[in-house]
Amino acid sequence: MEIVEIKVERLFLVEFRKCVAYALSEFGRKTVKNWNAEYEKIRHRLEMMPTGYPFVPELQKWRKYRGAIIMKNFKIIYFYDEDSNLVRIVDLWDLRQNPRKLNMRARRIERKDYH
């Protein structure tokens, strides 16, 4: 079995860093360690089984986006390109927010030239 390449987009990195910074200021280093450990577990699973997480129902009208839950209230949004054997992690979504915001962000993601 071939390991999948993972590319992380800027939008995801910005959101992830914001969440980790907030976690550090509000909850401390242990919570930051938990964030990083969960993220690494998800990345490892994506390398082995890129289709192992379910589709994101709110985004089905665009592309086959999938989502991995991290820290109970967040979802890592990604898609898998089978032709190039590549996973693109494109966004980090706070599940407590209005789904309309996710749709607006998805429109911006769709305009990227990697589609």
C-alpha atoms as a PDB file:
ATOM      1  CA  MET A   1       0.000   0.000   0.000  1.00  0.00           C
ATOM      2  CA  GLU A   2       1.309   3.404  -1.022  1.00  0.00           C
ATOM      3  CA  ILE A   3       1.381   6.252   1.491  1.00  0.00           C
ATOM      4  CA  VAL A   4      -0.592   9.311   0.451  1.00  0.00           C
ATOM      5  CA  GLU A   5       1.059  12.720   0.203  1.00  0.00           C
ATOM      6  CA  ILE A   6      -0.557  15.433   2.336  1.00  0.00           C
ATOM      7  CA  LYS A   7      -0.521  19.147   1.482  1.00  0.00           C
ATOM      8  CA  VAL A   8      -1.768  21.667   4.006  1.00  0.00           C
ATOM      9  CA  GLU A   9      -3.291  24.886   2.701  1.00  0.00           C
ATOM     10  CA  ARG A  10      -2.704  28.326   4.218  1.00  0.00           C
ATOM     11  CA  LEU A  11      -6.335  28.807   5.330  1.00  0.00           C
ATOM     12  CA  PHE A  12      -6.132  25.682   7.477  1.00  0.00           C
ATOM     13  CA  LEU A  13      -2.791  26.713   8.987  1.00  0.00           C
ATOM     14  CA  VAL A  14      -4.109  30.157   9.936  1.00  0.00           C
ATOM     15  CA  GLU A  15      -7.202  28.690  11.617  1.00  0.00           C
ATOM     16  CA  PHE A  16      -5.240  25.944  13.348  1.00  0.00           C
ATOM     17  CA  ARG A  17      -2.722  28.406  14.768  1.00  0.00           C
ATOM     18  CA  LYS A  18      -5.536  30.632  16.049  1.00  0.00           C
ATOM     19  CA  CYS A  19      -7.150  27.700  17.837  1.00  0.00           C
ATOM     20  CA  VAL A  20      -3.881  26.538  19.358  1.00  0.00           C
ATOM     21  CA  ALA A  21      -3.007  30.070  20.516  1.00  0.00           C
ATOM     22  CA  TYR A  22      -6.430  30.412  22.126  1.00  0.00           C
ATOM     23  CA  ALA A  23      -6.084  26.997  23.755  1.00  0.00           C
ATOM     24  CA  LEU A  24      -2.709  27.996  25.199  1.00  0.00           C
ATOM     25  CA  SER A  25      -3.979  31.277  26.631  1.00  0.00           C
ATOM     26  CA  GLU A  26      -7.207  29.853  28.061  1.00  0.00           C
ATOM     27  CA  PHE A  27      -6.388  26.251  28.973  1.00  0.00           C
ATOM     28  CA  GLY A  28      -2.612  25.830  29.034  1.00  0.00           C
ATOM     29  CA  ARG A  29       0.100  23.688  27.504  1.00  0.00           C
ATOM     30  CA  LYS A  30      -1.610  20.355  28.124  1.00  0.00           C
ATOM     31  CA  THR A  31      -4.496  21.345  25.861  1.00  0.00           C
ATOM     32  CA  VAL A  32      -2.056  22.469  23.169  1.00  0.00           C
ATOM     33  CA  LYS A  33      -0.353  19.072  23.400  1.00  0.00           C
ATOM     34  CA  ASN A  34      -3.754  17.429  22.952  1.00  0.00           C
ATOM     35  CA  TRP A  35      -4.458  19.551  19.860  1.00  0.00           C
ATOM     36  CA  ASN A  36      -1.118  18.610  18.318  1.00  0.00           C
ATOM     37  CA  ALA A  37      -1.444  14.922  19.227  1.00  0.00           C
ATOM     38  CA  GLU A  38      -4.936  14.673  17.710  1.00  0.00           C
ATOM     39  CA  TYR A  39      -3.780  16.469  14.571  1.00  0.00           C
ATOM     40  CA  GLU A  40      -0.854  14.060  14.154  1.00  0.00           C
ATOM     41  CA  LYS A  41      -3.176  11.050  14.610  1.00  0.00           C
ATOM     42  CA  ILE A  42      -5.504  12.392  11.933  1.00  0.00           C
ATOM     43  CA  ARG A  43      -2.597  13.036   9.547  1.00  0.00           C
ATOM     44  CA  HIS A  44      -1.311   9.509  10.093  1.00  0.00           C
ATOM     45  CA  ARG A  45      -4.733   8.033   9.389  1.00  0.00           C
ATOM     46  CA  LEU A  46      -5.069  10.163   6.245  1.00  0.00           C
ATOM     47  CA  GLU A  47      -1.723   8.865   4.980  1.00  0.00           C
ATOM     48  CA  MET A  48      -2.926   5.292   5.370  1.00  0.00           C
ATOM     49  CA  MET A  49      -6.657   5.646   4.576  1.00  0.00           C
ATOM     50  CA  PRO A  50      -7.459   8.939   2.804  1.00  0.00           C
ATOM     51  CA  THR A  51     -11.115   8.008   2.372  1.00  0.00           C
ATOM     52  CA  GLY A  52     -11.503   6.881   5.985  1.00  0.00           C
ATOM     53  CA  TYR A  53     -13.448   9.918   7.153  1.00  0.00           C
ATOM     54  CA  PRO A  54     -17.031  10.714   6.127  1.00  0.00           C
ATOM     55  CA  PHE A  55     -18.124  13.307   3.587  1.00  0.00           C
ATOM     56  CA  VAL A  56     -19.123  16.753   4.848  1.00  0.00           C
ATOM     57  CA  PRO A  57     -22.864  16.925   4.081  1.00  0.00           C
ATOM     58  CA  GLU A  58     -22.943  20.746   4.004  1.00  0.00           C
ATOM     59  CA  LEU A  59     -20.426  20.786   1.143  1.00  0.00           C
ATOM     60  CA  GLN A  60     -21.736  18.108  -1.196  1.00  0.00           C
ATOM     61  CA  LYS A  61     -22.800  20.558  -3.900  1.00  0.00           C
ATOM     62  CA  TRP A  62     -19.146  21.418  -4.608  1.00  0.00           C
ATOM     63  CA  ARG A  63     -16.733  18.552  -4.328  1.00  0.00           C
ATOM     64  CA  LYS A  64     -16.287  15.424  -2.320  1.00  0.00           C
ATOM     65  CA  TYR A  65     -15.017  17.122   0.817  1.00  0.00           C
ATOM     66  CA  ARG A  66     -14.422  14.966   3.842  1.00  0.00           C
ATOM     67  CA  GLY A  67     -14.096  15.945   7.470  1.00  0.00           C
ATOM     68  CA  ALA A  68     -12.193  14.641  10.480  1.00  0.00           C
ATOM     69  CA  ILE A  69     -13.341  15.723  13.941  1.00  0.00           C
ATOM     70  CA  ILE A  70     -10.603  17.178  16.127  1.00  0.00           C
ATOM     71  CA  MET A  71     -11.035  18.275  19.759  1.00  0.00           C
ATOM     72  CA  LYS A  72     -14.810  17.539  19.697  1.00  0.00           C
ATOM     73  CA  ASN A  73     -15.863  20.951  18.328  1.00  0.00           C
ATOM     74  CA  PHE A  74     -13.769  21.273  15.184  1.00  0.00           C
ATOM     75  CA  LYS A  75     -13.601  19.543  11.835  1.00  0.00           C
ATOM     76  CA  ILE A  76     -10.605  19.337   9.527  1.00  0.00           C
ATOM     77  CA  ILE A  77     -11.917  19.762   5.978  1.00  0.00           C
ATOM     78  CA  TYR A  78      -9.963  17.991   3.238  1.00  0.00           C
ATOM     79  CA  PHE A  79     -10.335  16.316  -0.108  1.00  0.00           C
ATOM     80  CA  TYR A  80      -8.551  13.401  -1.693  1.00  0.00           C
ATOM     81  CA  ASP A  81      -7.385  13.432  -5.308  1.00  0.00           C
ATOM     82  CA  GLU A  82      -7.057   9.787  -6.318  1.00  0.00           C
ATOM     83  CA  ASP A  83      -5.269  10.557  -9.597  1.00  0.00           C
ATOM     84  CA  SER A  84      -2.327  12.242  -7.884  1.00  0.00           C
ATOM     85  CA  ASN A  85      -2.681  10.285  -4.600  1.00  0.00           C
ATOM     86  CA  LEU A  86      -2.810  13.590  -2.733  1.00  0.00           C
ATOM     87  CA  VAL A  87      -4.789  14.796   0.291  1.00  0.00           C
ATOM     88  CA  ARG A  88      -5.286  18.550   0.547  1.00  0.00           C
ATOM     89  CA  ILE A  89      -6.194  19.824   4.004  1.00  0.00           C
ATOM     90  CA  VAL A  90      -8.033  23.038   3.173  1.00  0.00           C
ATOM     91  CA  ASP A  91      -9.851  24.331   6.258  1.00  0.00           C
ATOM     92  CA  LEU A  92     -10.544  23.978   9.962  1.00  0.00           C
ATOM     93  CA  TRP A  93     -14.197  24.403  10.786  1.00  0.00           C
ATOM     94  CA  ASP A  94     -15.650  25.258  14.209  1.00  0.00           C
ATOM     95  CA  LEU A  95     -18.796  23.111  14.377  1.00  0.00           C
ATOM     96  CA  ARG A  96     -20.500  25.640  16.648  1.00  0.00           C
ATOM     97  CA  GLN A  97     -20.606  28.245  13.866  1.00  0.00           C
ATOM     98  CA  ASN A  98     -23.348  28.846  11.344  1.00  0.00           C
ATOM     99  CA  PRO A  99     -23.060  26.420   8.371  1.00  0.00           C
ATOM    100  CA  ARG A 100     -23.553  29.363   5.985  1.00  0.00           C
ATOM    101  CA  LYS A 101     -20.077  30.543   6.916  1.00  0.00           C
ATOM    102  CA  LEU A 102     -18.679  27.156   5.911  1.00  0.00           C
ATOM    103  CA  ASN A 103     -20.428  27.452   2.547  1.00  0.00           C
ATOM    104  CA  MET A 104     -18.942  30.916   1.975  1.00  0.00           C
ATOM    105  CA  ARG A 105     -15.477  29.613   2.783  1.00  0.00           C
ATOM    106  CA  ALA A 106     -16.012  26.627   0.496  1.00  0.00           C
ATOM    107  CA  ARG A 107     -16.751  28.966  -2.421  1.00  0.00           C
ATOM    108  CA  ARG A 108     -13.373  30.610  -1.829  1.00  0.00           C
ATOM    109  CA  ILE A 109     -11.675  27.196  -1.651  1.00  0.00           C
ATOM    110  CA  GLU A 110     -13.321  26.137  -4.933  1.00  0.00           C
ATOM    111  CA  ARG A 111     -11.789  29.093  -6.777  1.00  0.00           C
ATOM    112  CA  LYS A 112      -8.277  27.839  -6.039  1.00  0.00           C
ATOM    113  CA  ASP A 113      -6.424  26.500  -9.049  1.00  0.00           C
ATOM    114  CA  TYR A 114      -5.765  23.019  -7.637  1.00  0.00           C
ATOM    115  CA  HIS A 115      -9.257  21.879  -8.651  1.00  0.00           C
END
